[in-house]
N, C-alpha and C. Protein backbone atom coordinates (compact mmCIF):
# COMPACT_ATOMS: atom_id res chain seq x y z
N MET A 1 95.98 98.91 70.26
CA MET A 1 95.17 99.13 71.41
C MET A 1 95.04 98.21 72.52
N THR A 2 95.05 98.70 73.68
CA THR A 2 95.14 97.81 74.88
C THR A 2 93.75 97.61 75.36
N THR A 3 93.19 96.47 75.48
CA THR A 3 91.86 96.45 76.08
C THR A 3 92.06 96.18 77.60
N PRO A 4 90.89 96.84 78.12
CA PRO A 4 90.89 96.74 79.54
C PRO A 4 90.87 95.46 80.40
N ALA A 5 91.42 95.30 81.34
CA ALA A 5 91.46 94.07 81.98
C ALA A 5 90.23 93.61 82.50
N ARG A 6 89.84 92.39 82.24
CA ARG A 6 88.37 91.68 82.45
C ARG A 6 88.59 90.76 83.81
N HIS A 7 88.28 91.35 84.85
CA HIS A 7 88.43 90.45 85.95
C HIS A 7 87.14 89.63 86.41
N ARG A 8 87.42 88.52 86.75
CA ARG A 8 86.33 87.77 87.41
C ARG A 8 85.32 88.35 88.52
N GLY A 9 84.28 88.65 88.47
CA GLY A 9 83.43 89.05 89.61
C GLY A 9 83.38 88.10 90.47
N LEU A 10 82.86 88.56 91.67
CA LEU A 10 82.60 87.76 92.82
C LEU A 10 81.47 86.83 92.53
N GLY A 11 81.59 85.61 92.62
CA GLY A 11 80.64 84.58 92.47
C GLY A 11 80.29 84.36 90.72
N ASP A 12 81.19 84.98 90.03
CA ASP A 12 81.02 84.88 88.63
C ASP A 12 81.69 83.50 88.03
N HIS A 13 81.03 82.80 87.59
CA HIS A 13 81.39 81.52 86.79
C HIS A 13 81.11 81.46 85.33
N THR A 14 80.54 82.42 84.86
CA THR A 14 80.28 82.55 83.49
C THR A 14 81.46 82.27 82.37
N TRP A 15 82.57 82.67 83.04
CA TRP A 15 83.80 82.69 82.30
C TRP A 15 84.00 81.22 81.70
N GLN A 16 83.36 80.29 82.55
CA GLN A 16 83.83 78.75 82.38
C GLN A 16 83.12 78.38 81.06
N ASP A 17 81.94 78.90 80.67
CA ASP A 17 81.28 78.76 79.33
C ASP A 17 82.38 78.99 78.16
N GLN A 18 83.17 79.94 78.31
CA GLN A 18 83.96 80.41 77.22
C GLN A 18 85.46 79.58 77.14
N ALA A 19 85.65 78.65 78.23
CA ALA A 19 86.81 77.90 78.30
C ALA A 19 87.09 76.99 77.14
N ALA A 20 88.23 76.80 76.76
CA ALA A 20 88.59 75.87 75.56
C ALA A 20 88.47 74.55 76.05
N CYS A 21 88.62 74.33 77.24
CA CYS A 21 88.50 72.79 77.89
C CYS A 21 86.85 72.48 78.22
N ASN A 22 86.06 73.33 77.87
CA ASN A 22 84.53 73.11 78.03
C ASN A 22 84.20 72.11 76.95
N PRO A 23 84.04 70.96 77.27
CA PRO A 23 83.30 69.89 76.14
C PRO A 23 81.97 70.23 75.57
N THR A 24 81.93 70.40 74.28
CA THR A 24 80.67 70.40 73.70
C THR A 24 80.62 69.46 72.46
N GLU A 25 79.56 69.46 71.80
CA GLU A 25 79.45 68.38 70.67
C GLU A 25 80.50 68.76 69.75
N HIS A 26 80.97 69.93 69.24
CA HIS A 26 82.03 70.07 68.24
C HIS A 26 83.51 70.22 68.84
N ASN A 27 83.53 70.42 70.22
CA ASN A 27 84.78 70.36 70.78
C ASN A 27 84.93 69.30 71.96
N PRO A 28 85.04 68.01 71.49
CA PRO A 28 85.24 66.89 72.52
C PRO A 28 86.37 67.02 73.32
N VAL A 29 86.42 67.47 74.46
CA VAL A 29 87.61 67.41 75.42
C VAL A 29 87.45 66.46 76.51
N ASP A 30 88.61 65.76 76.78
CA ASP A 30 88.60 64.87 77.95
C ASP A 30 88.97 65.60 78.98
N PRO A 31 88.03 65.81 80.00
CA PRO A 31 88.43 66.38 81.44
C PRO A 31 89.56 65.77 82.04
N GLU A 32 89.79 64.60 81.98
CA GLU A 32 90.86 63.71 82.47
C GLU A 32 92.33 64.30 82.15
N ALA A 33 92.46 65.01 81.03
CA ALA A 33 93.46 65.44 80.43
C ALA A 33 94.02 66.46 81.37
N PHE A 34 93.21 67.21 82.17
CA PHE A 34 93.64 68.29 83.02
C PHE A 34 94.03 67.68 84.44
N PHE A 35 94.10 66.55 84.67
CA PHE A 35 94.16 65.92 85.91
C PHE A 35 95.34 64.67 85.65
N PRO A 36 96.40 64.93 84.96
CA PRO A 36 97.34 64.08 84.76
C PRO A 36 98.11 63.65 85.99
N GLY A 37 98.71 62.28 85.77
CA GLY A 37 99.55 62.02 86.77
C GLY A 37 100.96 62.57 86.59
N PRO A 38 102.01 62.67 87.58
CA PRO A 38 103.20 63.28 87.44
C PRO A 38 103.98 62.76 86.19
N GLU A 39 103.72 61.51 85.68
CA GLU A 39 104.69 61.00 84.74
C GLU A 39 103.72 61.21 83.34
N ASP A 40 102.68 61.71 83.33
CA ASP A 40 101.80 61.86 82.01
C ASP A 40 102.37 63.12 81.26
N ALA A 41 103.38 63.01 80.72
CA ALA A 41 103.76 64.12 79.99
C ALA A 41 103.13 64.50 78.80
N GLY A 42 102.46 63.55 78.14
CA GLY A 42 101.59 63.63 77.14
C GLY A 42 100.22 64.37 77.44
N LYS A 43 99.79 64.06 78.54
CA LYS A 43 98.62 64.57 78.98
C LYS A 43 98.79 66.20 79.43
N ILE A 44 99.87 66.33 79.85
CA ILE A 44 100.26 67.73 80.38
C ILE A 44 100.67 68.57 79.11
N THR A 45 101.15 68.08 78.07
CA THR A 45 101.40 68.76 77.07
C THR A 45 100.01 69.06 76.12
N THR A 46 99.16 68.16 76.08
CA THR A 46 97.84 68.39 75.52
C THR A 46 97.05 69.31 76.27
N ALA A 47 96.89 69.20 77.66
CA ALA A 47 96.20 70.25 78.42
C ALA A 47 96.78 71.80 78.20
N LYS A 48 98.31 71.76 78.27
CA LYS A 48 98.68 73.08 78.33
C LYS A 48 98.37 73.86 76.90
N ALA A 49 98.44 72.83 75.77
CA ALA A 49 98.33 73.49 74.71
C ALA A 49 96.83 74.06 74.52
N LEU A 50 95.88 73.17 74.98
CA LEU A 50 94.62 73.66 74.83
C LEU A 50 94.47 75.07 75.81
N CYS A 51 95.00 75.20 77.01
CA CYS A 51 95.11 76.44 77.81
C CYS A 51 95.78 77.44 77.06
N ALA A 52 96.76 77.29 76.22
CA ALA A 52 97.36 78.25 75.60
C ALA A 52 96.38 79.08 74.38
N GLN A 53 95.48 78.16 74.20
CA GLN A 53 94.36 78.78 73.07
C GLN A 53 93.30 79.27 73.64
N CYS A 54 93.24 79.25 75.02
CA CYS A 54 92.02 79.57 75.70
C CYS A 54 91.79 80.97 76.10
N PRO A 55 90.65 81.58 75.82
CA PRO A 55 90.46 83.00 75.71
C PRO A 55 90.12 83.60 77.41
N VAL A 56 89.97 82.40 78.27
CA VAL A 56 89.81 82.84 79.69
C VAL A 56 90.78 82.19 80.54
N ALA A 57 91.78 81.93 80.02
CA ALA A 57 93.01 81.29 80.76
C ALA A 57 93.28 82.01 81.99
N ARG A 58 93.34 83.24 81.83
CA ARG A 58 93.79 84.23 83.02
C ARG A 58 92.74 84.13 84.15
N ALA A 59 91.42 84.01 83.73
CA ALA A 59 90.32 84.07 84.75
C ALA A 59 90.47 82.63 85.41
N CYS A 60 90.79 81.48 84.61
CA CYS A 60 90.83 80.30 85.11
C CYS A 60 92.08 80.04 86.23
N LEU A 61 93.14 80.67 85.70
CA LEU A 61 94.41 80.74 86.81
C LEU A 61 93.92 81.65 87.98
N ASP A 62 93.40 82.90 87.83
CA ASP A 62 93.14 83.61 89.00
C ASP A 62 92.04 82.79 89.95
N ALA A 63 90.94 82.12 89.17
CA ALA A 63 90.01 81.22 90.14
C ALA A 63 90.64 80.29 91.01
N ALA A 64 91.63 79.77 90.31
CA ALA A 64 92.45 78.49 91.04
C ALA A 64 93.33 79.00 92.14
N LEU A 65 93.89 80.18 91.98
CA LEU A 65 94.47 81.01 93.12
C LEU A 65 93.82 81.42 94.14
N GLU A 66 92.80 82.22 93.64
CA GLU A 66 91.77 82.81 94.75
C GLU A 66 91.15 81.71 95.62
N THR A 67 90.82 80.66 95.03
CA THR A 67 90.07 79.56 95.70
C THR A 67 90.90 78.51 96.31
N GLY A 68 92.06 78.63 96.25
CA GLY A 68 93.17 77.67 96.82
C GLY A 68 93.07 76.40 96.08
N ASP A 69 92.65 76.32 94.82
CA ASP A 69 92.78 74.92 94.17
C ASP A 69 94.08 74.60 93.92
N THR A 70 94.40 73.33 94.24
CA THR A 70 95.79 72.99 93.94
C THR A 70 95.90 71.71 93.20
N HIS A 71 94.68 71.26 92.55
CA HIS A 71 94.68 70.09 91.71
C HIS A 71 94.47 70.26 90.20
N GLY A 72 95.05 69.76 89.58
CA GLY A 72 95.06 69.70 88.02
C GLY A 72 95.76 70.94 87.48
N ILE A 73 95.63 70.90 86.05
CA ILE A 73 96.17 71.95 85.31
C ILE A 73 95.16 73.15 85.22
N ARG A 74 95.51 74.20 85.59
CA ARG A 74 94.49 75.38 85.63
C ARG A 74 95.35 76.72 85.03
N GLY A 75 94.59 77.31 84.08
CA GLY A 75 95.22 78.60 83.58
C GLY A 75 96.50 78.26 82.75
N GLY A 76 96.65 77.03 82.37
CA GLY A 76 97.93 76.67 81.66
C GLY A 76 99.18 76.38 82.66
N LEU A 77 98.86 76.24 84.02
CA LEU A 77 100.01 75.86 84.92
C LEU A 77 99.57 74.48 85.47
N THR A 78 100.66 73.86 85.81
CA THR A 78 100.46 72.53 86.56
C THR A 78 100.36 72.92 88.10
N GLU A 79 100.09 72.12 88.87
CA GLU A 79 99.99 71.98 90.41
C GLU A 79 101.41 72.61 90.94
N GLU A 80 102.31 72.02 90.38
CA GLU A 80 103.77 72.46 90.93
C GLU A 80 104.07 73.81 90.36
N GLU A 81 103.68 74.34 89.09
CA GLU A 81 104.08 75.61 88.68
C GLU A 81 103.19 76.64 89.52
N ARG A 82 101.89 76.25 90.03
CA ARG A 82 100.99 77.09 90.56
C ARG A 82 101.51 77.22 92.15
N GLU A 83 102.26 76.24 92.58
CA GLU A 83 102.46 76.46 94.04
C GLU A 83 103.16 77.72 94.61
N PRO A 84 104.25 78.28 93.72
CA PRO A 84 104.83 79.47 94.45
C PRO A 84 103.84 80.66 94.34
N LEU A 85 102.91 80.69 93.28
CA LEU A 85 101.82 81.67 93.23
C LEU A 85 100.99 81.67 94.28
N HIS A 86 100.43 80.38 94.66
CA HIS A 86 99.57 80.26 96.02
C HIS A 86 100.17 80.84 97.06
N ARG A 87 101.54 80.73 97.26
CA ARG A 87 102.12 81.20 98.48
C ARG A 87 102.23 82.67 98.56
N LYS A 88 102.18 83.33 97.23
CA LYS A 88 102.45 84.93 97.16
C LYS A 88 101.15 85.51 96.98
N ILE A 89 99.91 84.76 96.81
CA ILE A 89 98.53 85.44 96.37
C ILE A 89 98.26 86.63 97.14
N ALA A 90 98.57 86.22 98.50
CA ALA A 90 98.09 87.60 99.33
C ALA A 90 98.83 88.68 99.20
N ASP A 91 100.05 88.57 98.65
CA ASP A 91 100.90 89.96 98.31
C ASP A 91 100.58 90.38 97.10
N ARG A 92 99.72 89.85 96.20
CA ARG A 92 99.52 90.36 94.75
C ARG A 92 99.05 91.72 94.89
N LEU A 93 99.46 92.63 93.93
CA LEU A 93 98.91 93.95 93.98
C LEU A 93 98.74 94.13 92.46
N ASP A 94 97.73 94.02 91.97
CA ASP A 94 97.23 94.39 90.66
C ASP A 94 96.32 95.75 90.68
N TYR A 95 96.90 96.61 90.22
CA TYR A 95 96.26 98.12 90.15
C TYR A 95 95.03 98.17 89.16
N SER A 96 95.04 97.09 88.26
CA SER A 96 93.71 97.04 87.53
C SER A 96 92.54 96.68 88.31
N ARG A 97 93.00 95.65 89.13
CA ARG A 97 91.77 95.17 90.30
C ARG A 97 91.55 96.18 91.05
N VAL A 98 92.60 97.04 91.65
CA VAL A 98 92.01 98.16 92.59
C VAL A 98 91.43 99.20 91.83
N ASN A 99 91.65 99.48 90.64
CA ASN A 99 90.85 100.51 89.88
C ASN A 99 89.44 99.91 89.60
N ALA A 100 89.35 98.72 89.18
CA ALA A 100 88.21 98.15 88.93
C ALA A 100 87.10 98.14 90.00
N THR A 101 87.62 97.92 91.19
CA THR A 101 87.02 97.85 92.64
C THR A 101 86.62 99.39 92.84
N LEU A 102 87.50 100.33 92.61
CA LEU A 102 87.11 101.72 92.97
C LEU A 102 86.13 102.12 92.25
N SER A 103 86.03 101.82 90.96
CA SER A 103 84.89 101.98 90.03
C SER A 103 83.64 101.41 90.11
N GLY A 104 83.66 100.47 91.34
CA GLY A 104 82.21 100.09 91.69
C GLY A 104 82.20 98.35 91.23
N ARG A 105 83.15 97.84 90.73
CA ARG A 105 83.14 96.30 90.23
C ARG A 105 83.34 95.33 91.58
N ASP A 106 82.69 94.35 91.49
CA ASP A 106 82.87 93.21 92.42
C ASP A 106 84.09 92.13 92.02
N VAL A 107 85.26 92.48 92.33
CA VAL A 107 86.23 91.45 91.96
C VAL A 107 86.98 91.07 93.23
N HIS A 108 87.50 89.81 93.04
CA HIS A 108 88.29 89.12 93.88
C HIS A 108 89.56 89.94 94.28
N LEU A 109 89.84 90.23 95.60
CA LEU A 109 90.77 90.87 95.98
C LEU A 109 91.99 90.31 97.04
N THR A 110 93.08 90.69 96.83
CA THR A 110 93.98 89.97 97.80
C THR A 110 94.02 91.11 99.06
N LYS A 111 94.86 90.67 100.15
CA LYS A 111 94.92 91.76 101.20
C LYS A 111 95.74 92.88 100.70
N ALA A 112 96.74 92.77 99.81
CA ALA A 112 97.59 93.86 99.44
C ALA A 112 96.66 94.79 98.65
N GLU A 113 95.91 94.33 97.86
CA GLU A 113 94.80 95.22 97.00
C GLU A 113 93.68 95.87 97.89
N ARG A 114 93.40 95.15 98.79
CA ARG A 114 92.43 95.64 99.84
C ARG A 114 92.96 96.96 100.65
N ARG A 115 94.37 96.74 100.90
CA ARG A 115 95.09 97.81 101.52
C ARG A 115 95.32 99.05 100.61
N ALA A 116 95.52 98.73 99.41
CA ALA A 116 95.70 99.81 98.31
C ALA A 116 94.56 100.52 97.95
N ILE A 117 93.21 99.85 98.04
CA ILE A 117 91.98 100.52 97.95
C ILE A 117 91.63 101.51 99.07
N VAL A 118 92.15 100.92 100.44
CA VAL A 118 91.92 101.94 101.46
C VAL A 118 92.82 103.18 101.32
N LEU A 119 94.00 102.96 100.96
CA LEU A 119 94.94 104.11 100.75
C LEU A 119 94.42 105.06 99.69
N ALA A 120 94.11 104.48 98.59
CA ALA A 120 93.46 105.22 97.39
C ALA A 120 92.37 105.92 97.84
N GLY A 121 91.39 105.37 98.49
CA GLY A 121 90.10 105.94 98.93
C GLY A 121 90.42 106.93 99.93
N TYR A 122 91.26 106.86 100.78
CA TYR A 122 91.60 108.06 101.73
C TYR A 122 92.15 109.13 101.01
N ARG A 123 93.30 108.82 100.06
CA ARG A 123 93.72 109.98 99.44
C ARG A 123 92.77 110.59 98.43
N GLN A 124 91.61 109.90 98.06
CA GLN A 124 90.82 110.52 96.96
C GLN A 124 89.44 111.10 97.55
N GLY A 125 89.60 111.02 98.88
CA GLY A 125 88.41 111.37 99.77
C GLY A 125 87.00 110.60 99.56
N VAL A 126 87.14 109.29 99.29
CA VAL A 126 86.08 108.29 99.00
C VAL A 126 85.37 108.37 100.39
N PRO A 127 84.01 108.65 100.47
CA PRO A 127 83.31 108.45 101.78
C PRO A 127 83.36 107.17 102.57
N VAL A 128 83.37 107.23 103.91
CA VAL A 128 83.35 106.04 104.52
C VAL A 128 82.35 104.97 104.22
N ASP A 129 81.21 105.44 103.91
CA ASP A 129 80.12 104.39 103.30
C ASP A 129 80.41 103.76 102.03
N ARG A 130 80.93 104.59 101.16
CA ARG A 130 81.33 104.03 99.87
C ARG A 130 82.64 102.94 99.88
N LEU A 131 83.38 103.22 100.78
CA LEU A 131 84.61 102.23 101.08
C LEU A 131 83.97 101.06 101.68
N ALA A 132 83.11 101.12 102.54
CA ALA A 132 82.47 100.03 103.31
C ALA A 132 81.76 99.26 102.03
N TRP A 133 81.10 99.95 101.28
CA TRP A 133 80.26 99.22 100.23
C TRP A 133 81.32 98.42 99.28
N LEU A 134 82.41 99.05 98.90
CA LEU A 134 83.27 98.57 98.06
C LEU A 134 84.14 97.33 98.73
N LEU A 135 84.42 97.31 99.76
CA LEU A 135 85.14 96.24 100.44
C LEU A 135 84.24 95.22 101.16
N LYS A 136 82.66 95.53 101.00
CA LYS A 136 81.96 94.54 101.85
C LYS A 136 82.14 94.52 103.30
N ILE A 137 82.49 95.69 103.78
CA ILE A 137 82.52 95.71 105.32
C ILE A 137 81.67 96.64 105.97
N THR A 138 81.66 96.64 107.34
CA THR A 138 80.75 97.77 108.00
C THR A 138 81.44 99.14 107.98
N ASP A 139 80.48 100.23 108.10
CA ASP A 139 80.92 101.66 108.04
C ASP A 139 82.02 101.69 109.24
N GLU A 140 81.78 101.03 110.35
CA GLU A 140 82.75 101.17 111.42
C GLU A 140 84.14 100.60 111.10
N HIS A 141 84.07 99.49 110.32
CA HIS A 141 85.35 99.21 110.14
C HIS A 141 85.97 99.87 108.99
N ALA A 142 85.22 100.31 108.06
CA ALA A 142 85.73 101.21 107.17
C ALA A 142 86.32 102.47 107.67
N LEU A 143 85.68 103.08 108.71
CA LEU A 143 86.31 104.35 109.38
C LEU A 143 87.46 103.95 110.15
N ARG A 144 87.56 102.67 110.62
CA ARG A 144 88.78 102.18 111.65
C ARG A 144 89.93 102.11 110.47
N LEU A 145 89.62 101.64 109.34
CA LEU A 145 90.90 101.46 108.34
C LEU A 145 91.39 102.89 107.84
N TYR A 146 90.37 103.86 107.81
CA TYR A 146 90.78 105.16 107.49
C TYR A 146 91.67 105.78 108.59
N ARG A 147 91.18 105.62 109.84
CA ARG A 147 91.99 106.28 110.94
C ARG A 147 93.13 105.42 110.85
N GLU A 148 93.56 104.30 110.70
CA GLU A 148 94.88 103.72 110.72
C GLU A 148 95.48 104.07 109.38
N THR A 149 95.03 104.41 108.43
CA THR A 149 95.56 104.86 107.13
C THR A 149 96.33 106.11 107.49
N ARG A 150 95.28 107.25 108.10
CA ARG A 150 95.72 108.41 108.40
C ARG A 150 96.81 108.55 109.32
N ARG A 151 96.94 107.63 110.29
CA ARG A 151 97.86 107.41 111.50
C ARG A 151 99.35 107.06 110.89
N ALA A 152 99.15 106.09 109.96
CA ALA A 152 100.39 105.46 109.33
C ALA A 152 100.83 106.69 108.30
N ILE A 153 100.23 107.31 107.56
CA ILE A 153 100.69 108.50 106.79
C ILE A 153 101.53 109.44 107.62
N ARG A 154 100.57 109.91 108.81
CA ARG A 154 101.29 110.95 109.53
C ARG A 154 102.65 110.35 110.30
N HIS A 155 102.58 109.11 110.69
CA HIS A 155 103.91 108.39 111.21
C HIS A 155 105.12 108.46 110.22
N ARG A 156 104.62 108.27 108.89
CA ARG A 156 105.73 108.17 107.89
C ARG A 156 106.26 109.56 107.61
N GLU A 157 105.39 110.56 107.63
CA GLU A 157 105.74 112.04 107.52
C GLU A 157 106.78 112.34 108.74
N ILE A 158 106.48 112.00 109.89
CA ILE A 158 107.36 112.39 110.95
C ILE A 158 108.62 111.65 110.75
N ALA A 159 108.62 110.27 110.50
CA ALA A 159 109.90 109.70 110.24
C ALA A 159 110.77 110.25 109.13
N GLU A 160 110.07 110.83 108.01
CA GLU A 160 110.79 111.30 106.90
C GLU A 160 111.47 112.74 107.33
N GLU A 161 110.54 113.75 108.14
CA GLU A 161 111.05 114.89 108.81
C GLU A 161 112.37 114.73 109.68
N ALA A 162 112.15 113.57 110.37
CA ALA A 162 113.39 113.19 111.48
C ALA A 162 114.50 112.88 110.62
N ALA A 163 114.23 112.08 109.50
CA ALA A 163 115.54 111.76 108.72
C ALA A 163 116.14 112.79 108.09
N ARG A 164 115.32 113.80 107.44
CA ARG A 164 115.86 115.01 106.94
C ARG A 164 116.67 115.81 107.92
N ALA A 165 116.03 115.96 108.97
CA ALA A 165 116.67 116.75 110.20
C ALA A 165 118.06 116.14 110.52
N ALA A 166 118.10 114.71 110.66
CA ALA A 166 119.32 114.07 111.01
C ALA A 166 120.32 114.31 109.72
N SER A 167 119.83 114.25 108.60
CA SER A 167 120.90 114.43 107.47
C SER A 167 121.32 116.08 107.47
N ALA A 168 120.66 116.72 107.91
CA ALA A 168 120.97 118.27 107.99
C ALA A 168 121.64 118.54 109.29
N GLY A 169 121.91 117.82 110.22
CA GLY A 169 122.58 118.09 111.50
C GLY A 169 121.87 118.62 112.53
N THR A 170 120.41 118.55 112.45
CA THR A 170 119.80 119.30 113.46
C THR A 170 118.72 118.18 114.11
N SER A 171 118.49 118.46 115.33
CA SER A 171 117.56 117.58 116.05
C SER A 171 116.20 117.96 115.77
N THR A 172 115.14 117.13 115.95
CA THR A 172 113.82 117.36 115.71
C THR A 172 113.40 118.45 116.57
N ALA A 173 113.85 118.30 117.84
CA ALA A 173 113.34 119.27 118.84
C ALA A 173 113.88 120.85 118.52
N ASP A 174 115.27 120.95 117.90
CA ASP A 174 115.58 122.10 117.42
C ASP A 174 114.71 122.55 116.25
N GLN A 175 114.33 121.67 115.41
CA GLN A 175 113.53 122.15 114.17
C GLN A 175 112.19 122.65 114.70
N LEU A 176 111.56 121.94 115.77
CA LEU A 176 110.12 122.18 116.10
C LEU A 176 110.29 123.55 116.86
N GLY A 177 111.09 123.77 117.54
CA GLY A 177 111.22 125.03 118.69
C GLY A 177 110.31 124.85 119.67
N ARG A 178 110.07 125.94 120.34
CA ARG A 178 109.05 126.16 121.30
C ARG A 178 107.84 126.13 121.00
N HIS A 179 107.38 126.58 119.66
CA HIS A 179 106.12 126.74 119.29
C HIS A 179 105.64 125.32 118.70
N GLY A 180 106.40 124.39 118.48
CA GLY A 180 106.11 123.02 117.77
C GLY A 180 105.42 122.31 118.90
N PHE A 181 105.49 122.44 120.17
CA PHE A 181 105.14 121.70 121.11
C PHE A 181 103.57 122.10 121.75
N GLY A 182 103.15 123.24 121.16
CA GLY A 182 101.61 123.52 121.33
C GLY A 182 101.77 124.60 122.61
N THR A 183 100.81 124.91 123.14
CA THR A 183 100.70 126.11 124.12
C THR A 183 101.30 125.78 125.46
N ALA A 184 101.27 124.39 125.85
CA ALA A 184 101.71 123.94 127.07
C ALA A 184 103.07 124.00 127.19
N ALA A 185 103.96 124.19 126.27
CA ALA A 185 105.40 124.31 126.54
C ALA A 185 105.88 125.61 126.73
């Protein structure tokens, strides 16, 4: 059985209470182990071993990427290992995050995920005010995003029609004919 993805909500830091690196009376953890020097292979190994057992390692990694945290070992990765992920974070497209947001959860979203929500919302007929609420934007901004989406879809359809016409050897004007240009033609 697959469990649903559990994404960290906006402003939610409760996941930290479940972290394996959270020092307690019965779990004495040295926080300095997560901020090793470049030559401290022993500390890096210790920290990564603890992260490998952590039930919230993914939330920790997501938090580091979403907040731009570039220091220490987070989510089982060193600063150097997270660097390429930091560069790509705006393009991350995790559909479980998109679906969670569409169902009303407040989760951190990348630019690509926000675009996917607008497209899904447009295709599913999500009202403008609901889209605005989901993305924490104004109704006017949501309406503009829907208009841009409608325009982009129409441009794509026109380009596909033109490509089909070109491969069939006919021009777009031949395909449209006199009636395709409206009553003024």
